[in-house]
PDB file of N, CA and C in Angstrom:
ATOM      1  N   LYS A   1      20.558 -10.778 -10.735  1.00  0.00           N
ATOM      2  CA  LYS A   1      21.439 -10.055 -11.695  1.00  0.00           C
ATOM      3  C   LYS A   1      21.281  -8.873 -12.146  1.00  0.00           C
ATOM      4  N   VAL A   2      22.469  -8.096 -12.092  1.00  0.00           N
ATOM      5  CA  VAL A   2      22.343  -6.794 -12.439  1.00  0.00           C
ATOM      6  C   VAL A   2      23.256  -6.492 -13.652  1.00  0.00           C
ATOM      7  N   THR A   3      22.309  -6.004 -14.805  1.00  0.00           N
ATOM      8  CA  THR A   3      23.256  -5.621 -16.126  1.00  0.00           C
ATOM      9  C   THR A   3      23.558  -4.481 -16.353  1.00  0.00           C
ATOM     10  N   ASN A   4      25.058  -4.377 -16.750  1.00  0.00           N
ATOM     11  CA  ASN A   4      25.799  -3.273 -17.012  1.00  0.00           C
ATOM     12  C   ASN A   4      26.152  -2.250 -15.560  1.00  0.00           C
ATOM     13  N   GLY A   5      25.915  -3.214 -14.527  1.00  0.00           N
ATOM     14  CA  GLY A   5      26.389  -2.387 -13.161  1.00  0.00           C
ATOM     15  C   GLY A   5      26.810  -3.515 -12.258  1.00  0.00           C
ATOM     16  N   PHE A   6      27.031  -2.925 -10.876  1.00  0.00           N
ATOM     17  CA  PHE A   6      27.439  -3.642  -9.890  1.00  0.00           C
ATOM     18  C   PHE A   6      26.205  -3.835  -8.756  1.00  0.00           C
ATOM     19  N   ARG A   7      26.449  -5.027  -8.052  1.00  0.00           N
ATOM     20  CA  ARG A   7      25.304  -5.461  -7.049  1.00  0.00           C
ATOM     21  C   ARG A   7      25.687  -4.581  -5.836  1.00  0.00           C
ATOM     22  N   SER A   8      26.972  -4.196  -5.470  1.00  0.00           N
ATOM     23  CA  SER A   8      27.107  -3.487  -4.186  1.00  0.00           C
ATOM     24  C   SER A   8      28.266  -2.413  -4.512  1.00  0.00           C
ATOM     25  N   ASP A   9      27.989  -1.298  -3.602  1.00  0.00           N
ATOM     26  CA  ASP A   9      29.061  -0.376  -3.586  1.00  0.00           C
ATOM     27  C   ASP A   9      30.567  -0.923  -3.490  1.00  0.00           C
ATOM     28  N   TRP A  10      30.961  -1.788  -2.563  1.00  0.00           N
ATOM     29  CA  TRP A  10      32.362  -2.164  -2.641  1.00  0.00           C
ATOM     30  C   TRP A  10      32.789  -3.087  -3.648  1.00  0.00           C
ATOM     31  N   GLY A  11      31.782  -3.467  -4.302  1.00  0.00           N
ATOM     32  CA  GLY A  11      32.031  -4.219  -5.898  1.00  0.00           C
ATOM     33  C   GLY A  11      32.482  -3.310  -6.851  1.00  0.00           C
ATOM     34  N   LYS A  12      32.087  -2.084  -6.792  1.00  0.00           N
ATOM     35  CA  LYS A  12      32.087  -0.929  -7.607  1.00  0.00           C
ATOM     36  C   LYS A  12      33.423  -0.320  -7.314  1.00  0.00           C
ATOM     37  N   ASP A  13      33.366  -0.098  -6.045  1.00  0.00           N
ATOM     38  CA  ASP A  13      34.736   0.575  -5.638  1.00  0.00           C
ATOM     39  C   ASP A  13      36.158  -0.336  -5.946  1.00  0.00           C
ATOM     40  N   LEU A  14      35.874  -1.562  -5.661  1.00  0.00           N
ATOM     41  CA  LEU A  14      37.025  -2.644  -5.739  1.00  0.00           C
ATOM     42  C   LEU A  14      37.477  -2.586  -7.441  1.00  0.00           C
ATOM     43  N   PHE A  15      36.596  -2.731  -8.005  1.00  0.00           N
ATOM     44  CA  PHE A  15      36.553  -2.688  -9.739  1.00  0.00           C
ATOM     45  C   PHE A  15      37.466  -1.686 -10.052  1.00  0.00           C
ATOM     46  N   ALA A  16      36.980  -0.271  -9.562  1.00  0.00           N
ATOM     47  CA  ALA A  16      37.657   1.113  -9.862  1.00  0.00           C
ATOM     48  C   ALA A  16      39.044   1.081  -9.648  1.00  0.00           C
ATOM     49  N   ALA A  17      39.490   0.544  -8.264  1.00  0.00           N
ATOM     50  CA  ALA A  17      40.653   0.430  -7.782  1.00  0.00           C
ATOM     51  C   ALA A  17      41.543  -0.235  -8.732  1.00  0.00           C
ATOM     52  N   VAL A  18      41.228  -1.592  -8.911  1.00  0.00           N
ATOM     53  CA  VAL A  18      41.856  -2.416  -9.709  1.00  0.00           C
ATOM     54  C   VAL A  18      42.392  -1.913 -10.845  1.00  0.00           C
ATOM     55  N   ARG A  19      41.265  -1.284 -11.696  1.00  0.00           N
ATOM     56  CA  ARG A  19      41.225  -0.976 -13.085  1.00  0.00           C
ATOM     57  C   ARG A  19      42.359   0.510 -13.068  1.00  0.00           C
ATOM     58  N   SER A  20      42.310   1.311 -11.886  1.00  0.00           N
ATOM     59  CA  SER A  20      43.196   2.348 -11.988  1.00  0.00           C
ATOM     60  C   SER A  20      44.410   1.845 -11.723  1.00  0.00           C
ATOM     61  N   VAL A  21      44.954   0.820 -10.801  1.00  0.00           N
ATOM     62  CA  VAL A  21      46.386   0.338 -10.645  1.00  0.00           C
ATOM     63  C   VAL A  21      46.639  -0.431 -12.032  1.00  0.00           C
ATOM     64  N   VAL A  22      45.868  -1.347 -12.789  1.00  0.00           N
ATOM     65  CA  VAL A  22      46.098  -1.885 -14.088  1.00  0.00           C
ATOM     66  C   VAL A  22      46.494  -0.720 -15.057  1.00  0.00           C
ATOM     67  N   ASN A  23      45.767   0.338 -15.295  1.00  0.00           N
ATOM     68  CA  ASN A  23      45.893   1.387 -16.273  1.00  0.00           C
ATOM     69  C   ASN A  23      47.409   1.974 -15.924  1.00  0.00           C
ATOM     70  N   THR A  24      47.603   2.519 -14.568  1.00  0.00           N
ATOM     71  CA  THR A  24      48.658   3.102 -14.220  1.00  0.00           C
ATOM     72  C   THR A  24      49.877   2.076 -14.807  1.00  0.00           C
ATOM     73  N   GLY A  25      49.963   0.685 -14.525  1.00  0.00           N
ATOM     74  CA  GLY A  25      51.020  -0.013 -14.763  1.00  0.00           C
ATOM     75  C   GLY A  25      51.005  -0.064 -16.073  1.00  0.00           C
ATOM     76  N   LYS A  26      49.925  -0.242 -16.982  1.00  0.00           N
ATOM     77  CA  LYS A  26      50.236  -0.224 -18.444  1.00  0.00           C
ATOM     78  C   LYS A  26      50.994   1.260 -18.711  1.00  0.00           C
ATOM     79  N   ARG A  27      50.767   2.240 -18.409  1.00  0.00           N
ATOM     80  CA  ARG A  27      51.139   3.591 -18.849  1.00  0.00           C
ATOM     81  C   ARG A  27      52.642   3.606 -18.426  1.00  0.00           C
ATOM     82  N   GLN A  28      53.018   2.662 -17.520  1.00  0.00           N
ATOM     83  CA  GLN A  28      54.354   2.886 -17.192  1.00  0.00           C
ATOM     84  C   GLN A  28      55.206   1.612 -17.724  1.00  0.00           C
ATOM     85  N   GLY A  29      54.413   0.751 -18.740  1.00  0.00           N
ATOM     86  CA  GLY A  29      55.232  -0.165 -19.574  1.00  0.00           C
ATOM     87  C   GLY A  29      55.354  -1.678 -18.757  1.00  0.00           C
ATOM     88  N   ARG A  30      54.289  -1.756 -17.772  1.00  0.00           N
ATOM     89  CA  ARG A  30      54.289  -3.021 -17.049  1.00  0.00           C
ATOM     90  C   ARG A  30      52.851  -3.704 -17.461  1.00  0.00           C
ATOM     91  N   SER A  31      53.028  -4.973 -17.070  1.00  0.00           N
ATOM     92  CA  SER A  31      51.881  -5.798 -17.131  1.00  0.00           C
ATOM     93  C   SER A  31      50.866  -5.733 -16.109  1.00  0.00           C
ATOM     94  N   ALA A  32      49.814  -6.144 -16.415  1.00  0.00           N
ATOM     95  CA  ALA A  32      48.679  -5.676 -15.473  1.00  0.00           C
ATOM     96  C   ALA A  32      49.091  -6.525 -14.046  1.00  0.00           C
ATOM     97  N   LEU A  33      49.562  -7.808 -14.298  1.00  0.00           N
ATOM     98  CA  LEU A  33      49.747  -8.858 -13.163  1.00  0.00           C
ATOM     99  C   LEU A  33      51.165  -7.934 -12.308  1.00  0.00           C
ATOM    100  N   GLN A  34      52.174  -7.621 -12.903  1.00  0.00           N
ATOM    101  CA  GLN A  34      53.109  -6.904 -12.096  1.00  0.00           C
ATOM    102  C   GLN A  34      52.550  -5.416 -11.320  1.00  0.00           C
ATOM    103  N   ALA A  35      51.643  -4.710 -12.339  1.00  0.00           N
ATOM    104  CA  ALA A  35      51.190  -3.700 -11.507  1.00  0.00           C
ATOM    105  C   ALA A  35      50.639  -3.988 -10.266  1.00  0.00           C
ATOM    106  N   ILE A  36      49.785  -5.123 -10.346  1.00  0.00           N
ATOM    107  CA  ILE A  36      49.023  -5.607  -9.108  1.00  0.00           C
ATOM    108  C   ILE A  36      49.642  -6.018  -8.056  1.00  0.00           C
ATOM    109  N   GLN A  37      50.902  -7.092  -8.519  1.00  0.00           N
ATOM    110  CA  GLN A  37      52.017  -7.256  -7.722  1.00  0.00           C
ATOM    111  C   GLN A  37      52.521  -6.134  -6.699  1.00  0.00           C
ATOM    112  N   MET A  38      52.772  -5.214  -7.531  1.00  0.00           N
ATOM    113  CA  MET A  38      53.418  -3.907  -7.085  1.00  0.00           C
ATOM    114  C   MET A  38      52.411  -3.367  -6.007  1.00  0.00           C
ATOM    115  N   ALA A  39      51.104  -2.973  -6.105  1.00  0.00           N
ATOM    116  CA  ALA A  39      50.516  -2.361  -5.648  1.00  0.00           C
ATOM    117  C   ALA A  39      50.099  -3.051  -4.249  1.00  0.00           C
ATOM    118  N   ILE A  40      50.051  -4.441  -4.282  1.00  0.00           N
ATOM    119  CA  ILE A  40      49.701  -5.432  -3.172  1.00  0.00           C
ATOM    120  C   ILE A  40      51.124  -5.190  -2.277  1.00  0.00           C
ATOM    121  N   SER A  41      52.176  -5.300  -2.753  1.00  0.00           N
ATOM    122  CA  SER A  41      53.313  -5.268  -2.056  1.00  0.00           C
ATOM    123  C   SER A  41      54.029  -4.062  -1.103  1.00  0.00           C
ATOM    124  N   GLY A  42      52.832  -3.049  -1.800  1.00  0.00           N
ATOM    125  CA  GLY A  42      53.288  -1.795  -1.440  1.00  0.00           C
ATOM    126  C   GLY A  42      54.171  -0.751  -1.975  1.00  0.00           C
ATOM    127  N   GLN A  43      54.668  -1.371  -3.125  1.00  0.00           N
ATOM    128  CA  GLN A  43      56.005  -0.526  -4.001  1.00  0.00           C
ATOM    129  C   GLN A  43      54.916   0.611  -4.891  1.00  0.00           C
ATOM    130  N   SER A  44      55.459   1.722  -5.083  1.00  0.00           N
ATOM    131  CA  SER A  44      55.106   2.737  -5.860  1.00  0.00           C
ATOM    132  C   SER A  44      55.182   2.342  -7.166  1.00  0.00           C
ATOM    133  N   LEU A  45      53.934   2.641  -8.022  1.00  0.00           N
ATOM    134  CA  LEU A  45      53.725   2.470  -9.334  1.00  0.00           C
ATOM    135  C   LEU A  45      54.371   3.407 -10.142  1.00  0.00           C
ATOM    136  N   PHE A  46      54.796   4.585  -9.525  1.00  0.00           N
ATOM    137  CA  PHE A  46      55.136   5.842 -10.426  1.00  0.00           C
ATOM    138  C   PHE A  46      56.788   5.874 -10.617  1.00  0.00           C
ATOM    139  N   GLN A  47      57.036   5.977 -11.671  1.00  0.00           N
ATOM    140  CA  GLN A  47      58.715   6.311 -11.791  1.00  0.00           C
ATOM    141  C   GLN A  47      59.100   7.557 -11.783  1.00  0.00           C
ATOM    142  N   PRO A  48      60.136   7.631 -10.973  1.00  0.00           N
ATOM    143  CA  PRO A  48      60.888   9.143 -10.562  1.00  0.00           C
ATOM    144  C   PRO A  48      61.090   9.773 -11.890  1.00  0.00           C
ATOM    145  N   GLY A  49      60.730  10.998 -12.015  1.00  0.00           N
ATOM    146  CA  GLY A  49      60.997  11.887 -12.998  1.00  0.00           C
ATOM    147  C   GLY A  49      60.235  12.735 -13.737  1.00  0.00           C
TER     148      GLY A  49
END
């Protein structure tokens, strides 16, 4: 067990990527689920303008 850390580099990288998608979605007024679904489907999270 690792306290306050990650056991692997890929785990750290995955966490950072998911957190980035979720936070970007929240800034755009989307739920975490919507943001993740959009990212997986290849849709842009950014609104034009």
